[in-house]
Amino acid sequence: MVKLSEAEWKVMNLLWESAPRTIMQITNHFKETTGWTKHTVMTFLRRMEEKGAVHYEEGERAKLYFPDIEKTEAVLQETEEFLDKVFGGRMGLMLNTMVEKKALSKEEIAELYEILKKAEEEIL
């Protein structure tokens, strides 16, 4: 499994949205919101290559970067790690905490009902 930093998640989300991307395309996308320079992006991409999260192919004028991991797999891994670390792996404890703190909107509660209803139907 690949462990991504917060910055690497930003880059991965961009690549999952639309790949391939060049270093300059990634830099220009994040320049205003993060202040990242070309060298910063190059460092992130090198680390991500070493982790097996991305790869590049030589383009006509620049390297083209592609994601090597599926978003659903990365999200599941991150979610499981968070649940284990914060709630001892217990989804119910997390949801109960959210309910007690009134952190869920009516729309989110309705969405959860639908998700659980669908899951229950698939089990039966």
PDB file of N, CA and C in Angstrom:
ATOM      1  N   MET A   1       0.823  -1.185   0.000  1.00  0.00           N
ATOM      2  CA  MET A   1       0.000   0.000   0.000  1.00  0.00           C
ATOM      3  C   MET A   1       0.873   1.257   0.000  1.00  0.00           C
ATOM      4  N   VAL A   2       0.322   2.327  -0.559  1.00  0.00           N
ATOM      5  CA  VAL A   2       1.047   3.582  -0.695  1.00  0.00           C
ATOM      6  C   VAL A   2       0.510   4.591   0.315  1.00  0.00           C
ATOM      7  N   LYS A   3       1.393   5.169   1.108  1.00  0.00           N
ATOM      8  CA  LYS A   3       1.026   6.194   2.086  1.00  0.00           C
ATOM      9  C   LYS A   3       1.298   7.558   1.463  1.00  0.00           C
ATOM     10  N   LEU A   4       0.250   8.368   1.318  1.00  0.00           N
ATOM     11  CA  LEU A   4       0.374   9.673   0.676  1.00  0.00           C
ATOM     12  C   LEU A   4       0.315  10.799   1.705  1.00  0.00           C
ATOM     13  N   SER A   5       1.152  11.811   1.489  1.00  0.00           N
ATOM     14  CA  SER A   5       1.089  13.013   2.321  1.00  0.00           C
ATOM     15  C   SER A   5      -0.091  13.862   1.843  1.00  0.00           C
ATOM     16  N   GLU A   6      -0.404  14.909   2.592  1.00  0.00           N
ATOM     17  CA  GLU A   6      -1.507  15.794   2.205  1.00  0.00           C
ATOM     18  C   GLU A   6      -1.247  16.424   0.831  1.00  0.00           C
ATOM     19  N   ALA A   7      -0.031  16.870   0.604  1.00  0.00           N
ATOM     20  CA  ALA A   7       0.325  17.475  -0.683  1.00  0.00           C
ATOM     21  C   ALA A   7       0.223  16.450  -1.810  1.00  0.00           C
ATOM     22  N   GLU A   8       0.667  15.238  -1.550  1.00  0.00           N
ATOM     23  CA  GLU A   8       0.599  14.185  -2.568  1.00  0.00           C
ATOM     24  C   GLU A   8      -0.843  13.842  -2.900  1.00  0.00           C
ATOM     25  N   TRP A   9      -1.733  13.913  -1.904  1.00  0.00           N
ATOM     26  CA  TRP A   9      -3.174  13.699  -2.172  1.00  0.00           C
ATOM     27  C   TRP A   9      -3.678  14.741  -3.161  1.00  0.00           C
ATOM     28  N   LYS A  10      -3.241  15.981  -3.006  1.00  0.00           N
ATOM     29  CA  LYS A  10      -3.670  17.045  -3.929  1.00  0.00           C
ATOM     30  C   LYS A  10      -3.240  16.716  -5.351  1.00  0.00           C
ATOM     31  N   VAL A  11      -2.008  16.296  -5.509  1.00  0.00           N
ATOM     32  CA  VAL A  11      -1.492  15.960  -6.833  1.00  0.00           C
ATOM     33  C   VAL A  11      -2.232  14.742  -7.394  1.00  0.00           C
ATOM     34  N   MET A  12      -2.432  13.738  -6.564  1.00  0.00           N
ATOM     35  CA  MET A  12      -3.129  12.535  -7.025  1.00  0.00           C
ATOM     36  C   MET A  12      -4.554  12.864  -7.454  1.00  0.00           C
ATOM     37  N   ASN A  13      -5.256  13.689  -6.682  1.00  0.00           N
ATOM     38  CA  ASN A  13      -6.623  14.050  -7.060  1.00  0.00           C
ATOM     39  C   ASN A  13      -6.653  14.745  -8.414  1.00  0.00           C
ATOM     40  N   LEU A  14      -5.664  15.573  -8.679  1.00  0.00           N
ATOM     41  CA  LEU A  14      -5.575  16.233  -9.982  1.00  0.00           C
ATOM     42  C   LEU A  14      -5.336  15.203 -11.085  1.00  0.00           C
ATOM     43  N   LEU A  15      -4.423  14.266 -10.847  1.00  0.00           N
ATOM     44  CA  LEU A  15      -4.134  13.243 -11.856  1.00  0.00           C
ATOM     45  C   LEU A  15      -5.318  12.296 -12.050  1.00  0.00           C
ATOM     46  N   TRP A  16      -6.023  11.965 -10.971  1.00  0.00           N
ATOM     47  CA  TRP A  16      -7.205  11.112 -11.120  1.00  0.00           C
ATOM     48  C   TRP A  16      -8.288  11.836 -11.916  1.00  0.00           C
ATOM     49  N   GLU A  17      -8.342  13.145 -11.753  1.00  0.00           N
ATOM     50  CA  GLU A  17      -9.328  13.949 -12.469  1.00  0.00           C
ATOM     51  C   GLU A  17      -9.021  13.994 -13.967  1.00  0.00           C
ATOM     52  N   SER A  18      -7.738  14.148 -14.280  1.00  0.00           N
ATOM     53  CA  SER A  18      -7.346  14.277 -15.684  1.00  0.00           C
ATOM     54  C   SER A  18      -5.861  13.972 -15.834  1.00  0.00           C
ATOM     55  N   ALA A  19      -5.581  12.873 -16.465  1.00  0.00           N
ATOM     56  CA  ALA A  19      -4.190  12.481 -16.720  1.00  0.00           C
ATOM     57  C   ALA A  19      -4.056  12.151 -18.194  1.00  0.00           C
ATOM     58  N   PRO A  20      -2.899  12.321 -18.745  1.00  0.00           N
ATOM     59  CA  PRO A  20      -1.644  12.717 -18.105  1.00  0.00           C
ATOM     60  C   PRO A  20      -1.557  14.229 -17.922  1.00  0.00           C
ATOM     61  N   ARG A  21      -0.617  14.623 -17.074  1.00  0.00           N
ATOM     62  CA  ARG A  21      -0.296  16.034 -16.820  1.00  0.00           C
ATOM     63  C   ARG A  21       1.218  16.189 -16.800  1.00  0.00           C
ATOM     64  N   THR A  22       1.669  17.347 -17.268  1.00  0.00           N
ATOM     65  CA  THR A  22       3.096  17.662 -17.207  1.00  0.00           C
ATOM     66  C   THR A  22       3.399  18.353 -15.874  1.00  0.00           C
ATOM     67  N   ILE A  23       4.684  18.466 -15.570  1.00  0.00           N
ATOM     68  CA  ILE A  23       5.090  19.169 -14.356  1.00  0.00           C
ATOM     69  C   ILE A  23       4.571  20.604 -14.378  1.00  0.00           C
ATOM     70  N   MET A  24       4.675  21.261 -15.519  1.00  0.00           N
ATOM     71  CA  MET A  24       4.224  22.657 -15.602  1.00  0.00           C
ATOM     72  C   MET A  24       2.708  22.764 -15.463  1.00  0.00           C
ATOM     73  N   GLN A  25       1.966  21.829 -16.008  1.00  0.00           N
ATOM     74  CA  GLN A  25       0.510  21.858 -15.845  1.00  0.00           C
ATOM     75  C   GLN A  25       0.131  21.697 -14.371  1.00  0.00           C
ATOM     76  N   ILE A  26       0.818  20.805 -13.683  1.00  0.00           N
ATOM     77  CA  ILE A  26       0.557  20.596 -12.252  1.00  0.00           C
ATOM     78  C   ILE A  26       0.953  21.847 -11.473  1.00  0.00           C
ATOM     79  N   THR A  27       2.129  22.386 -11.771  1.00  0.00           N
ATOM     80  CA  THR A  27       2.600  23.599 -11.091  1.00  0.00           C
ATOM     81  C   THR A  27       1.629  24.748 -11.297  1.00  0.00           C
ATOM     82  N   ASN A  28       1.223  24.981 -12.531  1.00  0.00           N
ATOM     83  CA  ASN A  28       0.307  26.091 -12.827  1.00  0.00           C
ATOM     84  C   ASN A  28      -1.042  25.900 -12.138  1.00  0.00           C
ATOM     85  N   HIS A  29      -1.487  24.659 -12.018  1.00  0.00           N
ATOM     86  CA  HIS A  29      -2.766  24.389 -11.361  1.00  0.00           C
ATOM     87  C   HIS A  29      -2.729  24.780  -9.891  1.00  0.00           C
ATOM     88  N   PHE A  30      -1.615  24.524  -9.225  1.00  0.00           N
ATOM     89  CA  PHE A  30      -1.519  24.743  -7.784  1.00  0.00           C
ATOM     90  C   PHE A  30      -0.821  26.043  -7.382  1.00  0.00           C
ATOM     91  N   LYS A  31      -0.221  26.742  -8.335  1.00  0.00           N
ATOM     92  CA  LYS A  31       0.612  27.912  -8.018  1.00  0.00           C
ATOM     93  C   LYS A  31      -0.110  28.934  -7.132  1.00  0.00           C
ATOM     94  N   GLU A  32      -1.311  29.314  -7.483  1.00  0.00           N
ATOM     95  CA  GLU A  32      -2.010  30.364  -6.732  1.00  0.00           C
ATOM     96  C   GLU A  32      -2.495  29.893  -5.366  1.00  0.00           C
ATOM     97  N   THR A  33      -2.964  28.662  -5.281  1.00  0.00           N
ATOM     98  CA  THR A  33      -3.546  28.195  -4.018  1.00  0.00           C
ATOM     99  C   THR A  33      -2.505  27.691  -3.029  1.00  0.00           C
ATOM    100  N   THR A  34      -1.364  27.227  -3.523  1.00  0.00           N
ATOM    101  CA  THR A  34      -0.361  26.644  -2.620  1.00  0.00           C
ATOM    102  C   THR A  34       0.978  27.374  -2.638  1.00  0.00           C
ATOM    103  N   GLY A  35       1.265  28.076  -3.713  1.00  0.00           N
ATOM    104  CA  GLY A  35       2.563  28.723  -3.850  1.00  0.00           C
ATOM    105  C   GLY A  35       3.663  27.767  -4.294  1.00  0.00           C
ATOM    106  N   TRP A  36       3.278  26.551  -4.694  1.00  0.00           N
ATOM    107  CA  TRP A  36       4.278  25.570  -5.107  1.00  0.00           C
ATOM    108  C   TRP A  36       5.010  26.033  -6.355  1.00  0.00           C
ATOM    109  N   THR A  37       6.324  25.812  -6.357  1.00  0.00           N
ATOM    110  CA  THR A  37       7.152  26.093  -7.518  1.00  0.00           C
ATOM    111  C   THR A  37       7.316  24.807  -8.329  1.00  0.00           C
ATOM    112  N   LYS A  38       7.915  24.961  -9.490  1.00  0.00           N
ATOM    113  CA  LYS A  38       8.209  23.796 -10.334  1.00  0.00           C
ATOM    114  C   LYS A  38       9.077  22.797  -9.577  1.00  0.00           C
ATOM    115  N   HIS A  39      10.039  23.291  -8.823  1.00  0.00           N
ATOM    116  CA  HIS A  39      10.950  22.406  -8.090  1.00  0.00           C
ATOM    117  C   HIS A  39      10.216  21.657  -6.976  1.00  0.00           C
ATOM    118  N   THR A  40       9.260  22.318  -6.347  1.00  0.00           N
ATOM    119  CA  THR A  40       8.460  21.662  -5.308  1.00  0.00           C
ATOM    120  C   THR A  40       7.664  20.517  -5.919  1.00  0.00           C
ATOM    121  N   VAL A  41       7.019  20.783  -7.043  1.00  0.00           N
ATOM    122  CA  VAL A  41       6.219  19.760  -7.731  1.00  0.00           C
ATOM    123  C   VAL A  41       7.114  18.609  -8.186  1.00  0.00           C
ATOM    124  N   MET A  42       8.296  18.928  -8.690  1.00  0.00           N
ATOM    125  CA  MET A  42       9.232  17.880  -9.117  1.00  0.00           C
ATOM    126  C   MET A  42       9.608  16.985  -7.937  1.00  0.00           C
ATOM    127  N   THR A  43       9.819  17.584  -6.767  1.00  0.00           N
ATOM    128  CA  THR A  43      10.151  16.806  -5.571  1.00  0.00           C
ATOM    129  C   THR A  43       9.006  15.889  -5.196  1.00  0.00           C
ATOM    130  N   PHE A  44       7.764  16.426  -5.196  1.00  0.00           N
ATOM    131  CA  PHE A  44       6.599  15.591  -4.890  1.00  0.00           C
ATOM    132  C   PHE A  44       6.502  14.426  -5.860  1.00  0.00           C
ATOM    133  N   LEU A  45       6.637  14.716  -7.150  1.00  0.00           N
ATOM    134  CA  LEU A  45       6.490  13.669  -8.169  1.00  0.00           C
ATOM    135  C   LEU A  45       7.579  12.604  -8.045  1.00  0.00           C
ATOM    136  N   ARG A  46       8.809  13.024  -7.727  1.00  0.00           N
ATOM    137  CA  ARG A  46       9.893  12.054  -7.549  1.00  0.00           C
ATOM    138  C   ARG A  46       9.576  11.118  -6.385  1.00  0.00           C
ATOM    139  N   ARG A  47       9.139  11.700  -5.258  1.00  0.00           N
ATOM    140  CA  ARG A  47       8.770  10.877  -4.101  1.00  0.00           C
ATOM    141  C   ARG A  47       7.613   9.948  -4.439  1.00  0.00           C
ATOM    142  N   MET A  48       6.648  10.465  -5.152  1.00  0.00           N
ATOM    143  CA  MET A  48       5.475   9.664  -5.507  1.00  0.00           C
ATOM    144  C   MET A  48       5.856   8.525  -6.460  1.00  0.00           C
ATOM    145  N   GLU A  49       6.816   8.781  -7.345  1.00  0.00           N
ATOM    146  CA  GLU A  49       7.334   7.713  -8.210  1.00  0.00           C
ATOM    147  C   GLU A  49       7.982   6.618  -7.372  1.00  0.00           C
ATOM    148  N   GLU A  50       8.805   7.034  -6.402  1.00  0.00           N
ATOM    149  CA  GLU A  50       9.491   6.067  -5.537  1.00  0.00           C
ATOM    150  C   GLU A  50       8.506   5.214  -4.744  1.00  0.00           C
ATOM    151  N   LYS A  51       7.375   5.794  -4.397  1.00  0.00           N
ATOM    152  CA  LYS A  51       6.337   5.073  -3.656  1.00  0.00           C
ATOM    153  C   LYS A  51       5.482   4.184  -4.557  1.00  0.00           C
ATOM    154  N   GLY A  52       5.581   4.385  -5.861  1.00  0.00           N
ATOM    155  CA  GLY A  52       4.758   3.611  -6.786  1.00  0.00           C
ATOM    156  C   GLY A  52       3.382   4.202  -7.017  1.00  0.00           C
ATOM    157  N   ALA A  53       3.225   5.491  -6.716  1.00  0.00           N
ATOM    158  CA  ALA A  53       1.930   6.150  -6.879  1.00  0.00           C
ATOM    159  C   ALA A  53       1.740   6.710  -8.286  1.00  0.00           C
ATOM    160  N   VAL A  54       2.831   7.108  -8.932  1.00  0.00           N
ATOM    161  CA  VAL A  54       2.756   7.681 -10.279  1.00  0.00           C
ATOM    162  C   VAL A  54       3.908   7.147 -11.130  1.00  0.00           C
ATOM    163  N   HIS A  55       3.747   7.326 -12.421  1.00  0.00           N
ATOM    164  CA  HIS A  55       4.852   7.070 -13.339  1.00  0.00           C
ATOM    165  C   HIS A  55       4.768   8.114 -14.449  1.00  0.00           C
ATOM    166  N   TYR A  56       5.846   8.238 -15.196  1.00  0.00           N
ATOM    167  CA  TYR A  56       5.811   9.161 -16.323  1.00  0.00           C
ATOM    168  C   TYR A  56       6.224   8.445 -17.596  1.00  0.00           C
ATOM    169  N   GLU A  57       5.780   9.050 -18.686  1.00  0.00           N
ATOM    170  CA  GLU A  57       6.203   8.635 -20.018  1.00  0.00           C
ATOM    171  C   GLU A  57       6.758   9.875 -20.689  1.00  0.00           C
ATOM    172  N   GLU A  58       7.761   9.679 -21.517  1.00  0.00           N
ATOM    173  CA  GLU A  58       8.339  10.813 -22.231  1.00  0.00           C
ATOM    174  C   GLU A  58       7.352  11.295 -23.283  1.00  0.00           C
ATOM    175  N   GLY A  59       6.996  12.572 -23.205  1.00  0.00           N
ATOM    176  CA  GLY A  59       6.142  13.188 -24.206  1.00  0.00           C
ATOM    177  C   GLY A  59       6.997  13.859 -25.260  1.00  0.00           C
ATOM    178  N   GLU A  60       6.349  14.590 -26.157  1.00  0.00           N
ATOM    179  CA  GLU A  60       7.096  15.279 -27.201  1.00  0.00           C
ATOM    180  C   GLU A  60       8.030  16.333 -26.622  1.00  0.00           C
ATOM    181  N   ARG A  61       7.519  17.101 -25.615  1.00  0.00           N
ATOM    182  CA  ARG A  61       8.329  18.181 -25.056  1.00  0.00           C
ATOM    183  C   ARG A  61       8.546  18.053 -23.556  1.00  0.00           C
ATOM    184  N   ALA A  62       7.746  17.206 -22.901  1.00  0.00           N
ATOM    185  CA  ALA A  62       7.851  17.106 -21.439  1.00  0.00           C
ATOM    186  C   ALA A  62       7.393  15.726 -20.984  1.00  0.00           C
ATOM    187  N   LYS A  63       7.775  15.377 -19.766  1.00  0.00           N
ATOM    188  CA  LYS A  63       7.316  14.128 -19.175  1.00  0.00           C
ATOM    189  C   LYS A  63       5.818  14.228 -18.901  1.00  0.00           C
ATOM    190  N   LEU A  64       5.123  13.127 -19.153  1.00  0.00           N
ATOM    191  CA  LEU A  64       3.687  13.056 -18.894  1.00  0.00           C
ATOM    192  C   LEU A  64       3.466  12.137 -17.707  1.00  0.00           C
ATOM    193  N   TYR A  65       2.827  12.654 -16.661  1.00  0.00           N
ATOM    194  CA  TYR A  65       2.624  11.894 -15.422  1.00  0.00           C
ATOM    195  C   TYR A  65       1.240  11.261 -15.367  1.00  0.00           C
ATOM    196  N   PHE A  66       1.221  10.007 -14.928  1.00  0.00           N
ATOM    197  CA  PHE A  66       0.011   9.206 -14.812  1.00  0.00           C
ATOM    198  C   PHE A  66      -0.084   8.622 -13.405  1.00  0.00           C
ATOM    199  N   PRO A  67      -1.310   8.453 -12.887  1.00  0.00           N
ATOM    200  CA  PRO A  67      -1.447   7.769 -11.594  1.00  0.00           C
ATOM    201  C   PRO A  67      -1.241   6.269 -11.761  1.00  0.00           C
ATOM    202  N   ASP A  68      -0.626   5.638 -10.783  1.00  0.00           N
ATOM    203  CA  ASP A  68      -0.417   4.187 -10.801  1.00  0.00           C
ATOM    204  C   ASP A  68      -1.290   3.452  -9.789  1.00  0.00           C
ATOM    205  N   ILE A  69      -2.009   4.209  -8.980  1.00  0.00           N
ATOM    206  CA  ILE A  69      -2.905   3.581  -8.015  1.00  0.00           C
ATOM    207  C   ILE A  69      -4.317   4.081  -8.277  1.00  0.00           C
ATOM    208  N   GLU A  70      -5.278   3.234  -7.982  1.00  0.00           N
ATOM    209  CA  GLU A  70      -6.682   3.598  -8.158  1.00  0.00           C
ATOM    210  C   GLU A  70      -7.136   4.471  -6.996  1.00  0.00           C
ATOM    211  N   LYS A  71      -7.971   5.441  -7.305  1.00  0.00           N
ATOM    212  CA  LYS A  71      -8.472   6.339  -6.260  1.00  0.00           C
ATOM    213  C   LYS A  71      -9.239   5.564  -5.191  1.00  0.00           C
ATOM    214  N   THR A  72     -10.084   4.614  -5.611  1.00  0.00           N
ATOM    215  CA  THR A  72     -10.891   3.872  -4.631  1.00  0.00           C
ATOM    216  C   THR A  72     -10.011   3.095  -3.658  1.00  0.00           C
ATOM    217  N   GLU A  73      -8.916   2.525  -4.152  1.00  0.00           N
ATOM    218  CA  GLU A  73      -7.995   1.785  -3.279  1.00  0.00           C
ATOM    219  C   GLU A  73      -7.308   2.722  -2.287  1.00  0.00           C
ATOM    220  N   ALA A  74      -6.859   3.883  -2.763  1.00  0.00           N
ATOM    221  CA  ALA A  74      -6.176   4.846  -1.895  1.00  0.00           C
ATOM    222  C   ALA A  74      -7.131   5.402  -0.838  1.00  0.00           C
ATOM    223  N   VAL A  75      -8.364   5.695  -1.239  1.00  0.00           N
ATOM    224  CA  VAL A  75      -9.354   6.221  -0.302  1.00  0.00           C
ATOM    225  C   VAL A  75      -9.680   5.184   0.762  1.00  0.00           C
ATOM    226  N   LEU A  76      -9.863   3.935   0.354  1.00  0.00           N
ATOM    227  CA  LEU A  76     -10.172   2.871   1.308  1.00  0.00           C
ATOM    228  C   LEU A  76      -9.032   2.702   2.312  1.00  0.00           C
ATOM    229  N   GLN A  77      -7.801   2.685   1.824  1.00  0.00           N
ATOM    230  CA  GLN A  77      -6.640   2.538   2.715  1.00  0.00           C
ATOM    231  C   GLN A  77      -6.573   3.691   3.701  1.00  0.00           C
ATOM    232  N   GLU A  78      -6.748   4.908   3.219  1.00  0.00           N
ATOM    233  CA  GLU A  78      -6.673   6.084   4.092  1.00  0.00           C
ATOM    234  C   GLU A  78      -7.796   6.052   5.133  1.00  0.00           C
ATOM    235  N   THR A  79      -8.981   5.645   4.716  1.00  0.00           N
ATOM    236  CA  THR A  79     -10.126   5.566   5.622  1.00  0.00           C
ATOM    237  C   THR A  79      -9.892   4.527   6.706  1.00  0.00           C
ATOM    238  N   GLU A  80      -9.398   3.363   6.314  1.00  0.00           N
ATOM    239  CA  GLU A  80      -9.130   2.308   7.295  1.00  0.00           C
ATOM    240  C   GLU A  80      -8.059   2.738   8.292  1.00  0.00           C
ATOM    241  N   GLU A  81      -7.007   3.408   7.812  1.00  0.00           N
ATOM    242  CA  GLU A  81      -5.950   3.878   8.706  1.00  0.00           C
ATOM    243  C   GLU A  81      -6.497   4.912   9.690  1.00  0.00           C
ATOM    244  N   PHE A  82      -7.327   5.821   9.199  1.00  0.00           N
ATOM    245  CA  PHE A  82      -7.935   6.836  10.061  1.00  0.00           C
ATOM    246  C   PHE A  82      -8.827   6.186  11.110  1.00  0.00           C
ATOM    247  N   LEU A  83      -9.685   5.271  10.681  1.00  0.00           N
ATOM    248  CA  LEU A  83     -10.576   4.591  11.626  1.00  0.00           C
ATOM    249  C   LEU A  83      -9.787   3.838  12.692  1.00  0.00           C
ATOM    250  N   ASP A  84      -8.743   3.129  12.267  1.00  0.00           N
ATOM    251  CA  ASP A  84      -7.909   2.387  13.222  1.00  0.00           C
ATOM    252  C   ASP A  84      -7.239   3.324  14.221  1.00  0.00           C
ATOM    253  N   LYS A  85      -6.663   4.403  13.722  1.00  0.00           N
ATOM    254  CA  LYS A  85      -5.907   5.325  14.563  1.00  0.00           C
ATOM    255  C   LYS A  85      -6.806   6.086  15.536  1.00  0.00           C
ATOM    256  N   VAL A  86      -7.938   6.574  15.054  1.00  0.00           N
ATOM    257  CA  VAL A  86      -8.761   7.473  15.862  1.00  0.00           C
ATOM    258  C   VAL A  86      -9.883   6.752  16.607  1.00  0.00           C
ATOM    259  N   PHE A  87     -10.464   5.730  15.982  1.00  0.00           N
ATOM    260  CA  PHE A  87     -11.652   5.086  16.561  1.00  0.00           C
ATOM    261  C   PHE A  87     -11.481   3.589  16.788  1.00  0.00           C
ATOM    262  N   GLY A  88     -10.241   3.136  16.823  1.00  0.00           N
ATOM    263  CA  GLY A  88      -9.993   1.720  17.063  1.00  0.00           C
ATOM    264  C   GLY A  88     -10.619   0.823  16.005  1.00  0.00           C
ATOM    265  N   GLY A  89     -10.776   1.348  14.800  1.00  0.00           N
ATOM    266  CA  GLY A  89     -11.333   0.572  13.693  1.00  0.00           C
ATOM    267  C   GLY A  89     -12.852   0.468  13.711  1.00  0.00           C
ATOM    268  N   ARG A  90     -13.504   1.202  14.583  1.00  0.00           N
ATOM    269  CA  ARG A  90     -14.954   1.064  14.755  1.00  0.00           C
ATOM    270  C   ARG A  90     -15.710   2.194  14.064  1.00  0.00           C
ATOM    271  N   MET A  91     -16.351   1.870  12.960  1.00  0.00           N
ATOM    272  CA  MET A  91     -17.143   2.828  12.203  1.00  0.00           C
ATOM    273  C   MET A  91     -18.300   3.355  13.047  1.00  0.00           C
ATOM    274  N   GLY A  92     -18.940   2.467  13.825  1.00  0.00           N
ATOM    275  CA  GLY A  92     -20.064   2.874  14.658  1.00  0.00           C
ATOM    276  C   GLY A  92     -19.676   3.945  15.663  1.00  0.00           C
ATOM    277  N   LEU A  93     -18.489   3.806  16.246  1.00  0.00           N
ATOM    278  CA  LEU A  93     -18.011   4.787  17.205  1.00  0.00           C
ATOM    279  C   LEU A  93     -17.810   6.141  16.530  1.00  0.00           C
ATOM    280  N   MET A  94     -17.286   6.125  15.316  1.00  0.00           N
ATOM    281  CA  MET A  94     -17.088   7.371  14.587  1.00  0.00           C
ATOM    282  C   MET A  94     -18.434   8.032  14.294  1.00  0.00           C
ATOM    283  N   LEU A  95     -19.387   7.259  13.793  1.00  0.00           N
ATOM    284  CA  LEU A  95     -20.701   7.824  13.476  1.00  0.00           C
ATOM    285  C   LEU A  95     -21.402   8.334  14.720  1.00  0.00           C
ATOM    286  N   ASN A  96     -21.306   7.588  15.820  1.00  0.00           N
ATOM    287  CA  ASN A  96     -21.917   8.020  17.066  1.00  0.00           C
ATOM    288  C   ASN A  96     -21.317   9.349  17.533  1.00  0.00           C
ATOM    289  N   THR A  97     -20.016   9.497  17.394  1.00  0.00           N
ATOM    290  CA  THR A  97     -19.351  10.746  17.758  1.00  0.00           C
ATOM    291  C   THR A  97     -19.867  11.893  16.899  1.00  0.00           C
ATOM    292  N   MET A  98     -20.012  11.642  15.598  1.00  0.00           N
ATOM    293  CA  MET A  98     -20.516  12.667  14.683  1.00  0.00           C
ATOM    294  C   MET A  98     -21.945  13.071  15.051  1.00  0.00           C
ATOM    295  N   VAL A  99     -22.773  12.088  15.393  1.00  0.00           N
ATOM    296  CA  VAL A  99     -24.164  12.364  15.769  1.00  0.00           C
ATOM    297  C   VAL A  99     -24.205  13.165  17.067  1.00  0.00           C
ATOM    298  N   GLU A 100     -23.443  12.730  18.070  1.00  0.00           N
ATOM    299  CA  GLU A 100     -23.438  13.423  19.364  1.00  0.00           C
ATOM    300  C   GLU A 100     -22.985  14.877  19.236  1.00  0.00           C
ATOM    301  N   LYS A 101     -22.056  15.128  18.337  1.00  0.00           N
ATOM    302  CA  LYS A 101     -21.539  16.491  18.154  1.00  0.00           C
ATOM    303  C   LYS A 101     -22.364  17.280  17.136  1.00  0.00           C
ATOM    304  N   LYS A 102     -23.460  16.669  16.662  1.00  0.00           N
ATOM    305  CA  LYS A 102     -24.329  17.303  15.669  1.00  0.00           C
ATOM    306  C   LYS A 102     -23.532  17.775  14.449  1.00  0.00           C
ATOM    307  N   ALA A 103     -22.628  16.922  14.013  1.00  0.00           N
ATOM    308  CA  ALA A 103     -21.745  17.245  12.901  1.00  0.00           C
ATOM    309  C   ALA A 103     -22.294  16.788  11.558  1.00  0.00           C
ATOM    310  N   LEU A 104     -23.478  16.141  11.566  1.00  0.00           N
ATOM    311  CA  LEU A 104     -24.077  15.650  10.325  1.00  0.00           C
ATOM    312  C   LEU A 104     -25.305  16.483   9.980  1.00  0.00           C
ATOM    313  N   SER A 105     -25.410  16.865   8.713  1.00  0.00           N
ATOM    314  CA  SER A 105     -26.587  17.587   8.249  1.00  0.00           C
ATOM    315  C   SER A 105     -27.709  16.588   7.964  1.00  0.00           C
ATOM    316  N   LYS A 106     -28.926  17.100   7.790  1.00  0.00           N
ATOM    317  CA  LYS A 106     -30.053  16.229   7.443  1.00  0.00           C
ATOM    318  C   LYS A 106     -29.763  15.486   6.143  1.00  0.00           C
ATOM    319  N   GLU A 107     -29.153  16.171   5.198  1.00  0.00           N
ATOM    320  CA  GLU A 107     -28.834  15.554   3.907  1.00  0.00           C
ATOM    321  C   GLU A 107     -27.831  14.419   4.071  1.00  0.00           C
ATOM    322  N   GLU A 108     -26.838  14.622   4.916  1.00  0.00           N
ATOM    323  CA  GLU A 108     -25.840  13.578   5.154  1.00  0.00           C
ATOM    324  C   GLU A 108     -26.451  12.378   5.863  1.00  0.00           C
ATOM    325  N   ILE A 109     -27.351  12.625   6.802  1.00  0.00           N
ATOM    326  CA  ILE A 109     -28.030  11.530   7.492  1.00  0.00           C
ATOM    327  C   ILE A 109     -28.889  10.747   6.502  1.00  0.00           C
ATOM    328  N   ALA A 110     -29.603  11.443   5.632  1.00  0.00           N
ATOM    329  CA  ALA A 110     -30.418  10.770   4.613  1.00  0.00           C
ATOM    330  C   ALA A 110     -29.540   9.944   3.675  1.00  0.00           C
ATOM    331  N   GLU A 111     -28.395  10.486   3.321  1.00  0.00           N
ATOM    332  CA  GLU A 111     -27.457   9.762   2.456  1.00  0.00           C
ATOM    333  C   GLU A 111     -26.953   8.498   3.154  1.00  0.00           C
ATOM    334  N   LEU A 112     -26.647   8.606   4.449  1.00  0.00           N
ATOM    335  CA  LEU A 112     -26.207   7.437   5.210  1.00  0.00           C
ATOM    336  C   LEU A 112     -27.294   6.370   5.275  1.00  0.00           C
ATOM    337  N   TYR A 113     -28.542   6.790   5.476  1.00  0.00           N
ATOM    338  CA  TYR A 113     -29.655   5.841   5.481  1.00  0.00           C
ATOM    339  C   TYR A 113     -29.708   5.070   4.159  1.00  0.00           C
ATOM    340  N   GLU A 114     -29.567   5.783   3.058  1.00  0.00           N
ATOM    341  CA  GLU A 114     -29.618   5.145   1.735  1.00  0.00           C
ATOM    342  C   GLU A 114     -28.458   4.174   1.545  1.00  0.00           C
ATOM    343  N   ILE A 115     -27.285   4.566   1.979  1.00  0.00           N
ATOM    344  CA  ILE A 115     -26.104   3.701   1.862  1.00  0.00           C
ATOM    345  C   ILE A 115     -26.308   2.427   2.671  1.00  0.00           C
ATOM    346  N   LEU A 116     -26.773   2.574   3.905  1.00  0.00           N
ATOM    347  CA  LEU A 116     -26.986   1.414   4.776  1.00  0.00           C
ATOM    348  C   LEU A 116     -28.118   0.525   4.258  1.00  0.00           C
ATOM    349  N   LYS A 117     -29.160   1.141   3.738  1.00  0.00           N
ATOM    350  CA  LYS A 117     -30.274   0.368   3.168  1.00  0.00           C
ATOM    351  C   LYS A 117     -29.791  -0.468   1.981  1.00  0.00           C
ATOM    352  N   LYS A 118     -29.000   0.142   1.126  1.00  0.00           N
ATOM    353  CA  LYS A 118     -28.453  -0.573  -0.038  1.00  0.00           C
ATOM    354  C   LYS A 118     -27.539  -1.710   0.417  1.00  0.00           C
ATOM    355  N   ALA A 119     -26.700  -1.439   1.411  1.00  0.00           N
ATOM    356  CA  ALA A 119     -25.790  -2.475   1.928  1.00  0.00           C
ATOM    357  C   ALA A 119     -26.580  -3.640   2.520  1.00  0.00           C
ATOM    358  N   GLU A 120     -27.628  -3.335   3.241  1.00  0.00           N
ATOM    359  CA  GLU A 120     -28.457  -4.376   3.849  1.00  0.00           C
ATOM    360  C   GLU A 120     -29.132  -5.232   2.768  1.00  0.00           C
ATOM    361  N   GLU A 121     -29.600  -4.597   1.716  1.00  0.00           N
ATOM    362  CA  GLU A 121     -30.246  -5.324   0.611  1.00  0.00           C
ATOM    363  C   GLU A 121     -29.255  -6.259  -0.083  1.00  0.00           C
ATOM    364  N   GLU A 122     -28.018  -5.809  -0.223  1.00  0.00           N
ATOM    365  CA  GLU A 122     -26.997  -6.632  -0.892  1.00  0.00           C
ATOM    366  C   GLU A 122     -26.604  -7.841  -0.053  1.00  0.00           C
ATOM    367  N   ILE A 123     -26.698  -7.703   1.268  1.00  0.00           N
ATOM    368  CA  ILE A 123     -26.343  -8.813   2.169  1.00  0.00           C
ATOM    369  C   ILE A 123     -27.436  -9.875   2.162  1.00  0.00           C
ATOM    370  N   LEU A 124     -28.685  -9.433   2.117  1.00  0.00           N
ATOM    371  CA  LEU A 124     -29.821 -10.367   2.181  1.00  0.00           C
ATOM    372  C   LEU A 124     -30.114 -11.009   0.878  1.00  0.00           C
TER     373      LEU A 124
END
